């Protein structure tokens, strides 16, 4: 369920953001994996664009008899995932594969009962080709779960910061313009695409996330998550933000300054995630 970002280069603290995403949104991810309409507990799972293992370990928890093949382009992400698997005593249940899924030929990923792709399909150069590849990969009756985000999470109230109210929303608008050019499939409706690839879409579900910072540990994690996410947002929004907005954003991101995000007590995590459950019926 991670976001945003599992397929591609590891920059702007991406691995740390993926880990924080897993920590902060753990209960929502548990709800998604628990909802999956599997016909029987899957034994062989493939996690496409696995990042540092957010989905991998949620699926291992949900399906304790399963073995998972975790696929990503990033060697650093996969190394982090292997370290986590060892720490959990689950190294015997996880196989990592470094692969570029935009390449013409995919590596041998076996014949899974379940394929999971969280925030990774929109990074594909040709997602329709990738969907057909997944269809052919699955055993008949197997399930493909596509999880997508509504974009970067929101963290600040609309009145913040006091000197530039509405700053975060303007940053998102600028980032959306950037991603419309560079990641055109982000925000796609995957239902028709899945049907076009030969799947039967059995169900679709959206989960709205709204997490406040009620206690110390959660407040620290949400603060770190907000800081890392807004740093990444700055990367994609900086080119078109007004100078005054960019300066205000930099004051929020200055962890030593009086206007630091980490000094605020009104942070929250607001986002939405949608999952499509599609079956290979033939």
Protein backbone atom coordinates (compact mmCIF):
# COMPACT_ATOMS: atom_id res chain seq x y z
CA UNK A 1 0.00 0.00 0.00
CA UNK A 2 2.69 2.16 -0.40
CA UNK A 3 2.83 4.74 -2.07
CA UNK A 4 3.50 6.56 -4.73
CA UNK A 5 6.66 5.43 -5.62
CA UNK A 6 7.75 1.84 -5.47
CA UNK A 7 8.89 1.51 -9.04
CA UNK A 8 11.87 3.63 -9.92
CA UNK A 9 14.92 5.22 -8.38
CA UNK A 10 15.45 5.52 -4.66
CA UNK A 11 15.74 9.25 -4.08
CA UNK A 12 14.48 11.93 -1.71
CA UNK A 13 14.36 9.47 1.18
CA UNK A 14 11.96 7.19 -0.62
CA UNK A 15 12.81 4.07 1.38
CA UNK A 16 12.26 5.91 4.66
CA UNK A 17 8.90 7.22 3.41
CA UNK A 18 7.84 3.71 2.43
CA UNK A 19 8.71 2.43 5.90
CA UNK A 20 6.83 5.30 7.58
CA UNK A 21 3.86 4.71 5.31
CA UNK A 22 3.77 1.11 6.51
CA UNK A 23 3.99 2.18 10.14
CA UNK A 24 1.43 4.99 10.08
CA UNK A 25 -1.13 3.24 7.85
CA UNK A 26 -0.72 -0.30 9.19
CA UNK A 27 -4.31 -0.76 10.34
CA UNK A 28 -5.68 0.41 7.00
CA UNK A 29 -3.42 -1.97 5.12
CA UNK A 30 -4.59 -4.79 7.39
CA UNK A 31 -8.16 -3.89 6.47
CA UNK A 32 -7.34 -4.05 2.75
CA UNK A 33 -5.60 -7.43 2.92
CA UNK A 34 -8.40 -8.77 5.10
CA UNK A 35 -10.97 -7.67 2.51
CA UNK A 36 -9.38 -9.50 -0.44
CA UNK A 37 -11.98 -11.93 -1.90
CA UNK A 38 -9.66 -14.94 -2.14
CA UNK A 39 -11.35 -18.27 -2.85
CA UNK A 40 -8.81 -20.11 -0.71
CA UNK A 41 -5.74 -18.91 1.20
CA UNK A 42 -3.10 -18.31 -1.48
CA UNK A 43 0.14 -20.28 -1.21
CA UNK A 44 2.13 -18.39 -3.87
CA UNK A 45 1.99 -14.60 -3.99
CA UNK A 46 3.82 -12.07 -6.15
CA UNK A 47 4.24 -8.49 -4.90
CA UNK A 48 4.95 -6.28 -7.94
CA UNK A 49 6.77 -3.05 -7.11
CA UNK A 50 7.23 -4.22 -3.54
CA UNK A 51 9.38 -1.32 -2.35
CA UNK A 52 10.71 -2.04 1.13
CA UNK A 53 8.05 -4.67 1.82
CA UNK A 54 4.95 -2.88 3.11
CA UNK A 55 2.59 -5.15 1.19
CA UNK A 56 4.86 -8.18 1.40
CA UNK A 57 4.74 -8.36 5.18
CA UNK A 58 1.06 -7.45 5.43
CA UNK A 59 0.33 -10.35 3.09
CA UNK A 60 2.59 -12.69 5.07
CA UNK A 61 0.64 -11.75 8.21
CA UNK A 62 -2.68 -12.28 6.44
CA UNK A 63 -1.69 -15.58 4.80
CA UNK A 64 0.72 -17.38 7.16
CA UNK A 65 1.18 -20.38 4.86
CA UNK A 66 2.12 -18.31 1.81
CA UNK A 67 5.46 -17.78 0.11
CA UNK A 68 5.99 -14.42 -1.58
CA UNK A 69 8.10 -13.34 -4.53
CA UNK A 70 8.85 -9.64 -4.04
CA UNK A 71 9.76 -7.75 -7.22
CA UNK A 72 11.25 -4.26 -7.52
CA UNK A 73 13.71 -2.32 -9.67
CA UNK A 74 15.62 -1.04 -6.63
CA UNK A 75 18.41 -3.18 -5.18
CA UNK A 76 18.41 -0.96 -2.08
CA UNK A 77 14.70 -1.55 -1.48
CA UNK A 78 15.11 -5.30 -1.88
CA UNK A 79 18.06 -5.37 0.48
CA UNK A 80 15.99 -3.55 3.09
CA UNK A 81 13.15 -6.00 2.55
CA UNK A 82 15.47 -9.00 3.01
CA UNK A 83 16.81 -7.51 6.26
CA UNK A 84 13.26 -7.11 7.55
CA UNK A 85 12.40 -10.69 6.55
CA UNK A 86 15.42 -11.97 8.48
CA UNK A 87 14.49 -9.88 11.52
CA UNK A 88 11.02 -11.44 11.44
CA UNK A 89 12.34 -14.96 10.90
CA UNK A 90 10.51 -15.03 7.56
CA UNK A 91 13.47 -15.24 5.18
CA UNK A 92 12.41 -18.74 4.13
CA UNK A 93 9.06 -17.40 2.92
CA UNK A 94 10.33 -14.48 0.83
CA UNK A 95 12.18 -14.48 -2.48
CA UNK A 96 13.34 -11.17 -3.92
CA UNK A 97 13.70 -10.49 -7.64
CA UNK A 98 15.26 -7.33 -9.02
CA UNK A 99 13.62 -6.61 -12.36
CA UNK A 100 12.50 -3.80 -14.63
CA UNK A 101 8.89 -4.63 -15.41
CA UNK A 102 8.98 -2.32 -18.42
CA UNK A 103 11.43 -4.72 -20.07
CA UNK A 104 10.15 -6.89 -22.88
CA UNK A 105 10.65 -10.15 -20.99
CA UNK A 106 9.74 -10.59 -17.34
CA UNK A 107 11.74 -12.93 -15.12
CA UNK A 108 10.26 -16.24 -14.04
CA UNK A 109 7.85 -15.36 -11.25
CA UNK A 110 6.23 -18.78 -11.00
CA UNK A 111 2.47 -19.36 -11.14
CA UNK A 112 0.98 -17.34 -8.28
CA UNK A 113 -2.48 -17.59 -6.79
CA UNK A 114 -2.41 -13.88 -5.90
CA UNK A 115 -0.59 -10.90 -7.41
CA UNK A 116 -0.49 -7.67 -5.41
CA UNK A 117 0.49 -4.32 -6.93
CA UNK A 118 0.30 -1.31 -4.63
CA UNK A 119 1.07 2.12 -6.09
CA UNK A 120 3.21 0.51 -8.76
CA UNK A 121 1.07 0.00 -11.87
CA UNK A 122 0.88 3.71 -12.64
CA UNK A 123 4.66 3.80 -12.99
CA UNK A 124 4.63 1.31 -15.85
CA UNK A 125 5.50 2.72 -19.27
CA UNK A 126 2.83 0.46 -20.80
CA UNK A 127 0.47 -0.61 -18.01
CA UNK A 128 -1.90 -2.39 -20.41
CA UNK A 129 0.93 -4.72 -21.46
CA UNK A 130 1.83 -5.25 -17.80
CA UNK A 131 -1.78 -6.12 -16.92
CA UNK A 132 -1.85 -8.75 -19.68
CA UNK A 133 1.44 -10.15 -18.36
CA UNK A 134 -0.07 -10.48 -14.89
CA UNK A 135 -3.15 -12.17 -16.34
CA UNK A 136 -0.98 -14.78 -18.05
CA UNK A 137 1.11 -15.21 -14.89
CA UNK A 138 -1.77 -16.07 -12.57
CA UNK A 139 -3.20 -19.53 -12.24
CA UNK A 140 -6.80 -19.84 -13.50
CA UNK A 141 -9.03 -18.50 -10.75
CA UNK A 142 -6.16 -16.45 -9.31
CA UNK A 143 -6.67 -12.94 -7.99
CA UNK A 144 -4.97 -9.67 -8.92
CA UNK A 145 -5.22 -6.84 -6.37
CA UNK A 146 -4.36 -3.36 -7.66
CA UNK A 147 -4.06 -0.70 -4.95
CA UNK A 148 -3.78 2.95 -5.94
CA UNK A 149 -3.59 6.24 -4.10
CA UNK A 150 -5.48 9.47 -4.56
CA UNK A 151 -2.10 11.23 -4.60
CA UNK A 152 0.24 12.35 -1.85
CA UNK A 153 -1.39 12.46 1.59
CA UNK A 154 -2.44 15.80 3.12
CA UNK A 155 -1.07 16.74 6.51
CA UNK A 156 -1.87 20.40 7.28
CA UNK A 157 -5.14 22.20 7.98
CA UNK A 158 -6.29 24.53 5.23
CA UNK A 159 -5.49 27.57 7.35
CA UNK A 160 -1.80 26.62 7.58
CA UNK A 161 0.75 28.01 7.58
CA UNK A 162 -0.45 31.25 9.07
CA UNK A 163 1.50 33.42 6.61
CA UNK A 164 0.44 31.40 3.49
CA UNK A 165 -2.91 29.69 4.16
CA UNK A 166 -3.77 26.93 1.71
CA UNK A 167 -0.12 26.30 0.87
CA UNK A 168 -0.34 22.53 0.91
CA UNK A 169 -3.20 22.44 -1.58
CA UNK A 170 -1.30 24.72 -3.97
CA UNK A 171 1.71 22.42 -3.65
CA UNK A 172 -0.50 19.48 -4.60
CA UNK A 173 -1.87 21.33 -7.60
CA UNK A 174 1.66 22.08 -8.80
CA UNK A 175 2.74 18.49 -8.17
CA UNK A 176 -0.30 17.15 -10.04
CA UNK A 177 0.69 19.19 -13.09
CA UNK A 178 4.19 17.71 -12.91
CA UNK A 179 2.92 14.16 -12.57
CA UNK A 180 0.36 14.56 -15.35
CA UNK A 181 3.33 15.00 -17.67
CA UNK A 182 5.76 12.52 -16.13
CA UNK A 183 3.47 9.84 -14.64
CA UNK A 184 0.38 10.00 -16.87
CA UNK A 185 -1.25 6.83 -15.53
CA UNK A 186 -1.38 8.02 -11.92
CA UNK A 187 -5.01 8.28 -10.85
CA UNK A 188 -6.25 5.99 -13.64
CA UNK A 189 -9.46 4.01 -13.32
CA UNK A 190 -8.03 0.52 -13.33
CA UNK A 191 -11.38 -1.25 -13.64
CA UNK A 192 -11.77 -0.88 -17.44
CA UNK A 193 -8.05 -1.54 -17.94
CA UNK A 194 -8.30 -4.79 -15.98
CA UNK A 195 -11.36 -5.85 -17.97
CA UNK A 196 -9.54 -5.04 -21.19
CA UNK A 197 -6.67 -7.32 -20.10
CA UNK A 198 -9.07 -10.26 -19.71
CA UNK A 199 -9.81 -10.05 -15.99
CA UNK A 200 -13.20 -10.15 -14.32
CA UNK A 201 -13.33 -7.30 -11.80
CA UNK A 202 -15.09 -8.80 -8.80
CA UNK A 203 -15.05 -5.84 -6.45
CA UNK A 204 -13.66 -2.39 -5.79
CA UNK A 205 -13.22 -0.67 -2.46
CA UNK A 206 -11.98 2.71 -1.31
CA UNK A 207 -10.64 3.39 2.16
CA UNK A 208 -10.55 6.92 3.52
CA UNK A 209 -7.68 7.58 5.90
CA UNK A 210 -7.87 10.36 8.50
CA UNK A 211 -5.35 9.90 11.28
CA UNK A 212 -4.70 12.47 13.96
CA UNK A 213 -1.67 12.66 16.24
CA UNK A 214 -3.12 11.73 19.61
CA UNK A 215 -0.11 10.24 21.35
CA UNK A 216 3.66 10.60 21.49
CA UNK A 217 4.81 7.69 19.29
CA UNK A 218 2.15 8.34 16.66
CA UNK A 219 2.85 12.06 16.69
CA UNK A 220 6.55 11.41 16.06
CA UNK A 221 5.81 8.99 13.20
CA UNK A 222 3.25 11.30 11.58
CA UNK A 223 5.68 14.22 11.87
CA UNK A 224 8.45 12.25 10.16
CA UNK A 225 6.00 11.01 7.51
CA UNK A 226 4.79 14.55 6.83
CA UNK A 227 8.33 15.89 6.62
CA UNK A 228 9.50 13.24 4.18
CA UNK A 229 6.36 13.46 2.06
CA UNK A 230 6.44 17.24 1.78
CA UNK A 231 10.13 17.10 0.87
CA UNK A 232 9.19 14.84 -2.04
CA UNK A 233 6.27 17.09 -2.89
CA UNK A 234 8.66 20.03 -3.05
CA UNK A 235 10.74 18.17 -5.62
CA UNK A 236 7.82 17.87 -8.04
CA UNK A 237 6.14 21.22 -7.24
CA UNK A 238 9.09 23.61 -7.01
CA UNK A 239 9.19 24.39 -10.72
CA UNK A 240 5.78 26.08 -10.80
CA UNK A 241 5.20 27.26 -7.21
CA UNK A 242 5.09 30.99 -6.53
CA UNK A 243 8.32 32.18 -4.85
CA UNK A 244 6.38 33.13 -1.72
CA UNK A 245 4.89 29.63 -1.51
CA UNK A 246 8.25 27.98 -2.06
CA UNK A 247 9.77 30.09 0.72
CA UNK A 248 6.90 29.20 3.06
CA UNK A 249 7.29 25.51 2.23
CA UNK A 250 11.01 25.71 2.97
CA UNK A 251 10.25 27.23 6.38
CA UNK A 252 8.02 24.24 7.14
CA UNK A 253 10.75 21.84 6.01
CA UNK A 254 13.49 23.54 8.07
CA UNK A 255 13.62 21.21 11.05
CA UNK A 256 15.71 23.69 13.05
CA UNK A 257 13.53 26.71 12.35
CA UNK A 258 10.64 28.12 14.40
CA UNK A 259 8.16 27.31 11.61
CA UNK A 260 9.15 23.64 11.34
CA UNK A 261 6.47 21.06 10.64
CA UNK A 262 7.81 19.10 13.58
CA UNK A 263 6.83 21.90 15.97
CA UNK A 264 3.19 21.80 14.94
CA UNK A 265 0.53 20.00 16.97
CA UNK A 266 -2.15 20.05 14.26
CA UNK A 267 -0.72 17.51 11.82
CA UNK A 268 -2.90 14.68 10.53
CA UNK A 269 -2.73 12.12 7.71
CA UNK A 270 -5.56 12.38 5.21
CA UNK A 271 -5.63 10.29 2.06
CA UNK A 272 -7.68 7.74 0.16
CA UNK A 273 -6.72 4.36 -1.25
CA UNK A 274 -8.68 2.28 -3.73
CA UNK A 275 -8.26 -1.42 -4.40
CA UNK A 276 -9.58 -3.38 -7.35
CA UNK A 277 -9.90 -7.16 -7.00
CA UNK A 278 -9.77 -8.84 -10.41
CA UNK A 279 -9.96 -12.56 -11.15
CA UNK A 280 -8.43 -14.56 -13.97
CA UNK A 281 -11.44 -16.63 -14.93
CA UNK A 282 -9.94 -18.63 -17.76
